[in-house]
Amino acid sequence: MMGLIDEATEGQRRFGVGHFDLIIIDEAHRSVYQKYRAIFEYFDSLLVGLTATPKDEIDHNTYGLFDLESGVPTDAYALDDAVADHYLVPPKAVSVPLKFQREGIKYDELSEEEQEQWDALEWNEDGTAPREVDPAALNKWLFNTDTVDKVLAHVMTRGPEGGRWRPTGQNHHLR
């Protein structure tokens, strides 16, 4: 939409400010950035913002985008209500057994090959290597596409219903 607002053919804009009567914004908490706010300020229409995670920070305020008091949405539909009404199922935590992310890496617990790889790394300027890397430091450094792929593979093969997400109930909501 950003590109379409300014688009013009023979000096005529594709969309005038009154083109839409209603604009519905899904994931409205992402719309608080100046980039998207311009869309809502351009059009003269009603705005309906939908979000599960409204923000009320000074520089990113979803409520302010809709001229609402911070923390006071026009309407709210709580997770517990959506579960009770059978539109959602309750969340279920799935533990993913990734030893390094939970316990860190200890040099003495590595195989000989892994220790050789460890020793070959340039850890710091004085050439010394740590004897272990704690989980917090490891997660900052290691969290990458491969890790995400492994977590998703675990969830899809060992998650609820063995990773098979299926419709349930009369309204065919995802389970």
C-alpha atoms as a PDB file:
ATOM      1  CA  MET A   1       0.000   0.000   0.000  1.00  0.00           C
ATOM      2  CA  MET A   2       2.919   2.335   0.712  1.00  0.00           C
ATOM      3  CA  GLY A   3       3.877   2.333  -2.952  1.00  0.00           C
ATOM      4  CA  LEU A   4       0.300   2.681  -4.136  1.00  0.00           C
ATOM      5  CA  ILE A   5      -0.504   5.827  -2.139  1.00  0.00           C
ATOM      6  CA  ASP A   6       1.925   7.903  -4.176  1.00  0.00           C
ATOM      7  CA  GLU A   7       1.330   6.080  -7.473  1.00  0.00           C
ATOM      8  CA  ALA A   8      -0.123   8.373 -10.135  1.00  0.00           C
ATOM      9  CA  THR A   9      -1.174   7.934 -13.759  1.00  0.00           C
ATOM     10  CA  GLU A  10      -1.305  11.095 -15.860  1.00  0.00           C
ATOM     11  CA  GLY A  11      -1.139  13.168 -12.672  1.00  0.00           C
ATOM     12  CA  GLN A  12      -4.069  11.310 -11.089  1.00  0.00           C
ATOM     13  CA  ARG A  13      -3.406   9.377  -7.867  1.00  0.00           C
ATOM     14  CA  ARG A  14      -4.594   5.802  -7.794  1.00  0.00           C
ATOM     15  CA  PHE A  15      -6.224   6.296  -4.374  1.00  0.00           C
ATOM     16  CA  GLY A  16      -7.606   9.583  -3.116  1.00  0.00           C
ATOM     17  CA  VAL A  17      -7.792  10.281   0.601  1.00  0.00           C
ATOM     18  CA  GLY A  18     -11.483   9.268   0.665  1.00  0.00           C
ATOM     19  CA  HIS A  19     -11.105   6.091  -1.417  1.00  0.00           C
ATOM     20  CA  PHE A  20     -11.774   3.760   1.532  1.00  0.00           C
ATOM     21  CA  ASP A  21     -14.534   4.050   4.117  1.00  0.00           C
ATOM     22  CA  LEU A  22     -12.923   1.510   6.456  1.00  0.00           C
ATOM     23  CA  ILE A  23      -9.368   0.276   6.882  1.00  0.00           C
ATOM     24  CA  ILE A  24      -8.799  -2.861   8.972  1.00  0.00           C
ATOM     25  CA  ILE A  25      -5.282  -3.286  10.285  1.00  0.00           C
ATOM     26  CA  ASP A  26      -4.284  -6.781  11.338  1.00  0.00           C
ATOM     27  CA  GLU A  27      -1.268  -7.017  13.635  1.00  0.00           C
ATOM     28  CA  ALA A  28      -1.793  -3.343  14.478  1.00  0.00           C
ATOM     29  CA  HIS A  29       1.054  -3.387  17.003  1.00  0.00           C
ATOM     30  CA  ARG A  30       3.404  -3.495  14.010  1.00  0.00           C
ATOM     31  CA  SER A  31       1.749  -0.424  12.510  1.00  0.00           C
ATOM     32  CA  VAL A  32       3.051   2.003  15.083  1.00  0.00           C
ATOM     33  CA  TYR A  33       6.208   2.640  13.133  1.00  0.00           C
ATOM     34  CA  GLN A  34       6.241   5.813  11.064  1.00  0.00           C
ATOM     35  CA  LYS A  35       6.429   3.769   7.858  1.00  0.00           C
ATOM     36  CA  TYR A  36       2.912   2.372   8.253  1.00  0.00           C
ATOM     37  CA  ARG A  37       1.430   5.249  10.224  1.00  0.00           C
ATOM     38  CA  ALA A  38       1.608   7.322   7.023  1.00  0.00           C
ATOM     39  CA  ILE A  39      -1.039   5.072   5.440  1.00  0.00           C
ATOM     40  CA  PHE A  40      -3.478   5.709   8.257  1.00  0.00           C
ATOM     41  CA  GLU A  41      -2.808   9.417   8.307  1.00  0.00           C
ATOM     42  CA  TYR A  42      -3.267   9.682   4.517  1.00  0.00           C
ATOM     43  CA  PHE A  43      -6.716   8.096   4.238  1.00  0.00           C
ATOM     44  CA  ASP A  44      -9.808   9.755   5.695  1.00  0.00           C
ATOM     45  CA  SER A  45     -11.564   6.614   6.915  1.00  0.00           C
ATOM     46  CA  LEU A  46     -12.463   4.647   9.980  1.00  0.00           C
ATOM     47  CA  LEU A  47      -9.631   2.522  11.337  1.00  0.00           C
ATOM     48  CA  VAL A  48     -10.068  -0.835  13.052  1.00  0.00           C
ATOM     49  CA  GLY A  49      -6.872  -2.237  14.531  1.00  0.00           C
ATOM     50  CA  LEU A  50      -6.539  -5.878  15.536  1.00  0.00           C
ATOM     51  CA  THR A  51      -3.679  -7.110  17.683  1.00  0.00           C
ATOM     52  CA  ALA A  52      -2.986  -9.680  20.349  1.00  0.00           C
ATOM     53  CA  THR A  53      -0.052  -7.646  21.632  1.00  0.00           C
ATOM     54  CA  PRO A  54      -0.813  -3.920  21.849  1.00  0.00           C
ATOM     55  CA  LYS A  55       2.134  -1.721  22.700  1.00  0.00           C
ATOM     56  CA  ASP A  56       2.050   1.275  24.984  1.00  0.00           C
ATOM     57  CA  GLU A  57       5.663   2.378  24.900  1.00  0.00           C
ATOM     58  CA  ILE A  58       6.331   6.064  24.409  1.00  0.00           C
ATOM     59  CA  ASP A  59       7.818   5.702  20.927  1.00  0.00           C
ATOM     60  CA  HIS A  60       5.676   2.721  19.832  1.00  0.00           C
ATOM     61  CA  ASN A  61       2.152   3.202  21.098  1.00  0.00           C
ATOM     62  CA  THR A  62      -0.612   1.201  19.406  1.00  0.00           C
ATOM     63  CA  TYR A  63      -3.242   2.972  21.497  1.00  0.00           C
ATOM     64  CA  GLY A  64      -1.987   6.390  20.397  1.00  0.00           C
ATOM     65  CA  LEU A  65      -2.314   5.367  16.751  1.00  0.00           C
ATOM     66  CA  PHE A  66      -6.063   5.027  17.357  1.00  0.00           C
ATOM     67  CA  ASP A  67      -6.357   8.033  19.710  1.00  0.00           C
ATOM     68  CA  LEU A  68      -7.051   5.798  22.713  1.00  0.00           C
ATOM     69  CA  GLU A  69      -5.892   6.049  26.305  1.00  0.00           C
ATOM     70  CA  SER A  70      -2.846   3.810  26.836  1.00  0.00           C
ATOM     71  CA  GLY A  71      -3.834   0.396  28.106  1.00  0.00           C
ATOM     72  CA  VAL A  72      -7.541   0.905  27.363  1.00  0.00           C
ATOM     73  CA  PRO A  73      -8.585  -0.758  24.096  1.00  0.00           C
ATOM     74  CA  THR A  74     -11.979  -0.074  22.533  1.00  0.00           C
ATOM     75  CA  ASP A  75     -12.735  -3.769  22.926  1.00  0.00           C
ATOM     76  CA  ALA A  76     -10.832  -6.819  24.093  1.00  0.00           C
ATOM     77  CA  TYR A  77     -11.334 -10.543  23.685  1.00  0.00           C
ATOM     78  CA  ALA A  78      -9.213 -12.394  26.217  1.00  0.00           C
ATOM     79  CA  LEU A  79      -7.470 -15.690  25.469  1.00  0.00           C
ATOM     80  CA  ASP A  80      -9.430 -17.417  28.240  1.00  0.00           C
ATOM     81  CA  ASP A  81     -12.693 -16.243  26.662  1.00  0.00           C
ATOM     82  CA  ALA A  82     -11.646 -17.403  23.192  1.00  0.00           C
ATOM     83  CA  VAL A  83     -10.737 -20.818  24.634  1.00  0.00           C
ATOM     84  CA  ALA A  84     -14.044 -21.036  26.527  1.00  0.00           C
ATOM     85  CA  ASP A  85     -15.908 -20.101  23.318  1.00  0.00           C
ATOM     86  CA  HIS A  86     -13.974 -22.793  21.370  1.00  0.00           C
ATOM     87  CA  TYR A  87     -12.321 -20.351  18.979  1.00  0.00           C
ATOM     88  CA  LEU A  88      -8.871 -21.225  20.315  1.00  0.00           C
ATOM     89  CA  VAL A  89      -7.348 -24.062  22.262  1.00  0.00           C
ATOM     90  CA  PRO A  90      -5.287 -23.415  25.369  1.00  0.00           C
ATOM     91  CA  PRO A  91      -1.573 -23.040  24.755  1.00  0.00           C
ATOM     92  CA  LYS A  92       0.530 -26.094  25.492  1.00  0.00           C
ATOM     93  CA  ALA A  93       4.225 -25.698  26.244  1.00  0.00           C
ATOM     94  CA  VAL A  94       6.556 -28.022  24.399  1.00  0.00           C
ATOM     95  CA  SER A  95      10.020 -28.507  25.795  1.00  0.00           C
ATOM     96  CA  VAL A  96      12.685 -28.900  23.136  1.00  0.00           C
ATOM     97  CA  PRO A  97      15.700 -30.821  24.440  1.00  0.00           C
ATOM     98  CA  LEU A  98      18.604 -28.790  23.108  1.00  0.00           C
ATOM     99  CA  LYS A  99      21.389 -29.570  25.557  1.00  0.00           C
ATOM    100  CA  PHE A 100      23.761 -26.772  24.552  1.00  0.00           C
ATOM    101  CA  GLN A 101      21.070 -24.093  24.805  1.00  0.00           C
ATOM    102  CA  ARG A 102      20.091 -25.344  28.271  1.00  0.00           C
ATOM    103  CA  GLU A 103      23.483 -26.176  29.752  1.00  0.00           C
ATOM    104  CA  GLY A 104      26.019 -24.325  27.647  1.00  0.00           C
ATOM    105  CA  ILE A 105      29.173 -25.962  26.299  1.00  0.00           C
ATOM    106  CA  LYS A 106      31.885 -27.453  28.495  1.00  0.00           C
ATOM    107  CA  TYR A 107      35.177 -28.189  26.807  1.00  0.00           C
ATOM    108  CA  ASP A 108      35.800 -31.313  28.908  1.00  0.00           C
ATOM    109  CA  GLU A 109      32.496 -32.836  27.729  1.00  0.00           C
ATOM    110  CA  LEU A 110      33.278 -32.448  24.013  1.00  0.00           C
ATOM    111  CA  SER A 111      34.521 -35.267  21.790  1.00  0.00           C
ATOM    112  CA  GLU A 112      38.154 -35.165  20.643  1.00  0.00           C
ATOM    113  CA  GLU A 113      37.071 -33.886  17.226  1.00  0.00           C
ATOM    114  CA  GLU A 114      34.931 -31.157  18.808  1.00  0.00           C
ATOM    115  CA  GLN A 115      37.800 -30.181  21.105  1.00  0.00           C
ATOM    116  CA  GLU A 116      40.058 -29.831  18.079  1.00  0.00           C
ATOM    117  CA  GLN A 117      37.484 -27.547  16.449  1.00  0.00           C
ATOM    118  CA  TRP A 118      37.209 -25.581  19.718  1.00  0.00           C
ATOM    119  CA  ASP A 119      40.989 -25.181  19.908  1.00  0.00           C
ATOM    120  CA  ALA A 120      41.140 -23.978  16.298  1.00  0.00           C
ATOM    121  CA  LEU A 121      38.765 -21.084  16.992  1.00  0.00           C
ATOM    122  CA  GLU A 122      40.114 -17.581  17.562  1.00  0.00           C
ATOM    123  CA  TRP A 123      38.494 -16.827  20.901  1.00  0.00           C
ATOM    124  CA  ASN A 124      40.312 -13.655  21.861  1.00  0.00           C
ATOM    125  CA  GLU A 125      43.403 -11.609  21.098  1.00  0.00           C
ATOM    126  CA  ASP A 126      45.717 -13.292  23.621  1.00  0.00           C
ATOM    127  CA  GLY A 127      45.079 -16.723  22.093  1.00  0.00           C
ATOM    128  CA  THR A 128      43.465 -18.265  25.168  1.00  0.00           C
ATOM    129  CA  ALA A 129      40.175 -20.146  24.954  1.00  0.00           C
ATOM    130  CA  PRO A 130      37.522 -20.391  27.656  1.00  0.00           C
ATOM    131  CA  ARG A 131      36.838 -23.779  29.278  1.00  0.00           C
ATOM    132  CA  GLU A 132      33.106 -23.313  28.847  1.00  0.00           C
ATOM    133  CA  VAL A 133      30.452 -21.073  27.335  1.00  0.00           C
ATOM    134  CA  ASP A 134      27.378 -20.433  29.493  1.00  0.00           C
ATOM    135  CA  PRO A 135      23.871 -20.860  28.014  1.00  0.00           C
ATOM    136  CA  ALA A 136      23.053 -17.125  27.878  1.00  0.00           C
ATOM    137  CA  ALA A 137      26.208 -16.275  25.901  1.00  0.00           C
ATOM    138  CA  LEU A 138      25.724 -19.305  23.691  1.00  0.00           C
ATOM    139  CA  ASN A 139      22.124 -18.414  22.855  1.00  0.00           C
ATOM    140  CA  LYS A 140      23.115 -14.884  21.858  1.00  0.00           C
ATOM    141  CA  TRP A 141      25.804 -16.205  19.532  1.00  0.00           C
ATOM    142  CA  LEU A 142      24.251 -19.438  18.315  1.00  0.00           C
ATOM    143  CA  PHE A 143      20.634 -18.551  17.639  1.00  0.00           C
ATOM    144  CA  ASN A 144      20.561 -18.917  13.877  1.00  0.00           C
ATOM    145  CA  THR A 145      18.634 -20.538  11.045  1.00  0.00           C
ATOM    146  CA  ASP A 146      19.991 -24.011  11.808  1.00  0.00           C
ATOM    147  CA  THR A 147      18.792 -23.792  15.406  1.00  0.00           C
ATOM    148  CA  VAL A 148      15.378 -22.546  14.327  1.00  0.00           C
ATOM    149  CA  ASP A 149      15.121 -25.381  11.790  1.00  0.00           C
ATOM    150  CA  LYS A 150      15.958 -27.967  14.476  1.00  0.00           C
ATOM    151  CA  VAL A 151      13.411 -26.548  16.908  1.00  0.00           C
ATOM    152  CA  LEU A 152      10.708 -26.481  14.221  1.00  0.00           C
ATOM    153  CA  ALA A 153      11.557 -30.031  13.152  1.00  0.00           C
ATOM    154  CA  HIS A 154      11.234 -31.150  16.778  1.00  0.00           C
ATOM    155  CA  VAL A 155       7.869 -29.419  17.195  1.00  0.00           C
ATOM    156  CA  MET A 156       6.551 -30.802  13.911  1.00  0.00           C
ATOM    157  CA  THR A 157       7.567 -34.395  14.711  1.00  0.00           C
ATOM    158  CA  ARG A 158       7.157 -34.493  18.491  1.00  0.00           C
ATOM    159  CA  GLY A 159       4.770 -31.633  19.227  1.00  0.00           C
ATOM    160  CA  PRO A 160       1.057 -31.878  19.970  1.00  0.00           C
ATOM    161  CA  GLU A 161      -0.594 -34.616  17.925  1.00  0.00           C
ATOM    162  CA  GLY A 162       2.872 -35.680  16.750  1.00  0.00           C
ATOM    163  CA  GLY A 163       3.157 -32.510  14.729  1.00  0.00           C
ATOM    164  CA  ARG A 164      -0.081 -33.206  12.859  1.00  0.00           C
ATOM    165  CA  TRP A 165      -2.200 -30.102  13.239  1.00  0.00           C
ATOM    166  CA  ARG A 166      -5.804 -31.040  12.616  1.00  0.00           C
ATOM    167  CA  PRO A 167      -9.195 -29.348  12.689  1.00  0.00           C
ATOM    168  CA  THR A 168     -11.312 -29.968  15.767  1.00  0.00           C
ATOM    169  CA  GLY A 169     -14.782 -28.959  16.909  1.00  0.00           C
ATOM    170  CA  GLN A 170     -17.744 -27.708  14.944  1.00  0.00           C
ATOM    171  CA  ASN A 171     -15.990 -24.573  13.735  1.00  0.00           C
ATOM    172  CA  HIS A 172     -12.876 -26.463  12.539  1.00  0.00           C
ATOM    173  CA  HIS A 173     -10.467 -24.455  14.638  1.00  0.00           C
ATOM    174  CA  LEU A 174      -6.823 -25.471  14.568  1.00  0.00           C
ATOM    175  CA  ARG A 175      -5.679 -27.665  17.376  1.00  0.00           C
END
